[in-house]
Protein backbone atom coordinates (compact mmCIF):
# COMPACT_ATOMS: atom_id res chain seq x y z
CA MET A 1 131.27 147.66 169.16
CA LEU A 2 127.97 146.60 167.55
CA ARG A 3 124.94 148.85 167.25
CA ILE A 4 121.78 147.61 165.51
CA VAL A 5 119.11 149.89 164.08
CA TYR A 6 115.89 148.43 162.67
CA HIS A 7 114.45 150.72 159.97
CA GLY A 8 111.37 148.66 159.15
CA HIS A 9 110.44 145.82 156.85
CA SER A 10 113.72 143.90 156.48
CA PHE A 11 116.02 146.93 156.48
CA VAL A 12 118.54 146.59 159.29
CA GLN A 13 121.56 148.83 159.85
CA LEU A 14 124.63 147.52 161.63
CA ASN A 15 127.25 149.89 162.97
CA ILE A 16 130.28 147.72 163.62
CA ASP A 17 133.17 149.79 164.89
CA LYS A 18 133.69 152.37 162.12
CA ASP A 19 131.73 150.49 159.41
CA ILE A 20 128.08 151.01 158.54
CA ILE A 21 126.39 147.98 156.97
CA TYR A 22 122.90 148.05 155.46
CA ILE A 23 121.01 144.81 155.08
CA ASP A 24 118.23 145.05 152.46
CA PRO A 25 118.21 148.90 152.27
CA PHE A 26 114.53 149.50 151.44
CA ILE A 27 114.00 153.22 152.20
CA LYS A 28 111.77 154.80 149.51
CA GLY A 29 108.42 153.03 149.69
CA ASN A 30 109.10 151.44 153.08
CA PRO A 31 106.04 152.31 155.20
CA MET A 32 108.25 152.84 158.27
CA CYS A 33 110.53 155.19 156.33
CA ASP A 34 107.72 157.13 154.63
CA ASN A 35 106.37 158.99 157.64
CA ILE A 36 107.26 161.88 159.87
CA LEU A 37 108.65 159.56 162.57
CA CYS A 38 111.17 158.01 160.18
CA ASP A 39 114.73 157.84 161.46
CA ILE A 40 116.39 157.70 158.02
CA SER A 41 116.00 159.27 154.60
CA LEU A 42 117.71 158.44 151.34
CA LYS A 43 119.31 161.89 151.35
CA ASP A 44 120.88 161.34 154.79
CA ALA A 45 121.71 157.63 154.44
CA ARG A 46 125.38 156.63 154.48
CA CYS A 47 126.89 153.15 154.32
CA ASP A 48 130.13 151.31 153.68
CA TYR A 49 128.61 147.92 152.78
CA ILE A 50 125.26 146.60 151.60
CA ILE A 51 124.22 142.98 152.07
CA LEU A 52 121.25 141.69 150.08
CA THR A 53 119.14 138.65 150.94
CA HIS A 54 117.44 138.62 147.54
CA GLY A 55 116.39 140.82 144.63
CA HIS A 56 112.76 141.68 145.34
CA THR A 57 112.09 145.42 145.35
CA ASP A 58 111.15 145.50 149.04
CA HIS A 59 114.64 144.18 149.92
CA PHE A 60 116.80 145.39 147.02
CA GLY A 61 115.26 148.79 147.70
CA ASN A 62 117.66 151.68 147.17
CA THR A 63 120.79 149.61 146.67
CA ILE A 64 121.77 151.21 143.37
CA GLU A 65 121.40 154.82 144.56
CA LEU A 66 123.27 154.12 147.81
CA ALA A 67 126.09 152.19 146.12
CA GLU A 68 126.57 154.92 143.50
CA GLU A 69 126.55 157.67 146.13
CA HIS A 70 128.85 155.98 148.65
CA ASP A 71 130.93 153.66 146.45
CA CYS A 72 130.19 150.82 148.85
CA LEU A 73 130.68 147.10 148.35
CA ILE A 74 127.50 145.06 147.84
CA ILE A 75 127.54 141.49 149.13
CA ALA A 76 124.97 139.26 147.43
CA THR A 77 124.32 135.90 145.82
CA SER A 78 126.21 135.18 142.62
CA GLU A 79 123.39 136.03 140.18
CA LEU A 80 122.46 139.21 142.01
CA SER A 81 126.14 140.20 142.18
CA ASP A 82 126.46 139.67 138.40
CA TYR A 83 123.39 141.90 137.87
CA LEU A 84 124.98 144.64 139.99
CA SER A 85 128.34 144.32 138.22
CA GLU A 86 126.57 144.90 134.90
CA LYS A 87 125.52 148.25 136.39
CA ASN A 88 129.19 149.02 137.18
CA LEU A 89 128.72 148.64 140.92
CA LYS A 90 131.23 146.98 143.25
CA SER A 91 129.92 143.63 144.40
CA HIS A 92 131.14 140.48 146.01
CA ALA A 93 129.46 137.25 144.90
CA MET A 94 128.69 134.50 147.39
CA ASN A 95 126.51 131.43 147.40
CA LEU A 96 124.44 129.52 149.93
CA GLY A 97 126.60 127.80 152.54
CA GLY A 98 129.58 129.98 151.72
CA ALA A 99 131.21 132.31 154.24
CA ARG A 100 133.76 135.06 153.96
CA GLN A 101 135.60 137.36 156.32
CA PHE A 102 135.14 141.07 155.60
CA PRO A 103 136.77 143.95 157.51
CA PHE A 104 133.66 144.32 159.72
CA GLY A 105 133.13 140.57 160.38
CA ARG A 106 132.20 137.21 158.90
CA VAL A 107 129.21 136.78 156.57
CA LYS A 108 127.71 133.38 155.81
CA LEU A 109 124.77 132.83 153.46
CA THR A 110 122.12 130.38 154.61
CA PRO A 111 119.14 128.96 152.70
CA ALA A 112 115.83 130.78 152.61
CA HIS A 113 112.68 129.35 151.05
CA HIS A 114 111.26 132.13 148.90
CA SER A 115 111.79 133.45 145.37
CA SER A 116 114.08 136.12 143.96
CA SER A 117 114.01 138.40 140.96
CA THR A 118 115.49 141.82 140.28
CA PRO A 119 113.31 144.96 140.26
CA ASP A 120 113.18 144.68 136.45
CA GLY A 121 112.08 141.03 136.55
CA LYS A 122 115.33 139.15 135.88
CA TYR A 123 116.12 135.93 137.74
CA ALA A 124 118.27 136.79 140.77
CA GLY A 125 119.36 133.38 142.02
CA ASP A 126 118.36 131.72 145.26
CA PRO A 127 117.20 133.88 148.14
CA ALA A 128 119.42 133.78 151.23
CA GLY A 129 119.48 134.30 154.93
CA LEU A 130 122.57 135.71 156.63
CA ILE A 131 124.72 134.80 159.60
CA ILE A 132 126.91 137.77 160.50
CA THR A 133 129.52 137.39 163.21
CA ALA A 134 131.28 140.50 164.45
CA GLY A 135 133.40 140.37 167.57
CA ASN A 136 131.63 138.10 170.01
CA LYS A 137 128.10 138.69 168.63
CA THR A 138 126.21 136.68 166.02
CA LEU A 139 123.18 137.92 164.10
CA TYR A 140 120.79 135.84 161.96
CA HIS A 141 118.78 137.71 159.33
CA ALA A 142 116.44 135.23 157.65
CA GLY A 143 115.55 137.47 154.69
CA ASP A 144 112.16 136.41 153.37
CA THR A 145 111.53 132.76 154.07
CA ALA A 146 109.01 130.14 154.95
CA LEU A 147 109.65 128.12 158.06
CA PHE A 148 111.91 125.15 157.28
CA TYR A 149 113.53 122.53 159.48
CA ASP A 150 117.12 123.60 158.74
CA MET A 151 116.47 126.77 160.76
CA LYS A 152 116.82 124.52 163.81
CA LEU A 153 120.24 123.43 162.55
CA ILE A 154 121.26 127.06 161.93
CA GLY A 155 120.39 127.79 165.58
CA GLU A 156 122.23 124.71 166.86
CA MET A 157 125.40 125.53 164.91
CA ASN A 158 125.51 129.20 165.88
CA LYS A 159 125.11 131.00 169.18
CA ILE A 160 122.66 133.58 167.84
CA ASP A 161 122.46 136.79 169.85
CA TYR A 162 120.02 138.63 167.54
CA ALA A 163 117.56 137.27 164.99
CA PHE A 164 115.46 139.03 162.37
CA LEU A 165 112.63 136.86 161.04
CA PRO A 166 109.97 137.81 158.49
CA ILE A 167 106.41 137.84 159.79
CA GLY A 168 103.91 138.62 157.11
CA ASP A 169 102.04 135.50 156.08
CA ASN A 170 101.00 135.31 152.42
CA TYR A 171 104.59 135.90 151.10
CA THR A 172 106.60 134.71 154.12
CA MET A 173 105.99 132.79 157.33
CA GLY A 174 103.30 134.05 159.67
CA ILE A 175 103.57 134.84 163.37
CA ASP A 176 102.92 131.25 164.48
CA ASP A 177 105.81 129.92 162.40
CA ALA A 178 108.15 132.76 163.39
CA VAL A 179 107.56 132.15 167.10
């Protein structure tokens, strides 16, 4: 069974059977998580896996605190995974175009046109989008990206049931490109 919870910005929670997966767990500082109507707090958060699209603070978010608290596996690009390993956190390195089966489902990294650095300014490799297939459902999380023609190919190669696209202009695509 798949349950999707959108927590604001790019933070998406997937409940897949017994596993809880956080994509870009930005809680503290997330405008949708910093108000009285918030449905999650760092104190109450619980996850089994974290998947990162890139290293910017508004996506990397509370990865370190959550991983230390819950001893969860972090799935990220190679450079970001190396950065996390240096902090003695469990991580699995992947690269763009690569896919791997995990207990909850299959994760494939897709290109994203953006930049990526860690919260302390280190280079964090290429940014990524994600194709996650669990059971008979497929989700595309584009991370932060500009519109690019290969997104059409991603859609043609995958029967996407749910898509999360950035709409912000200035740093990512705007509403016209996302539509």
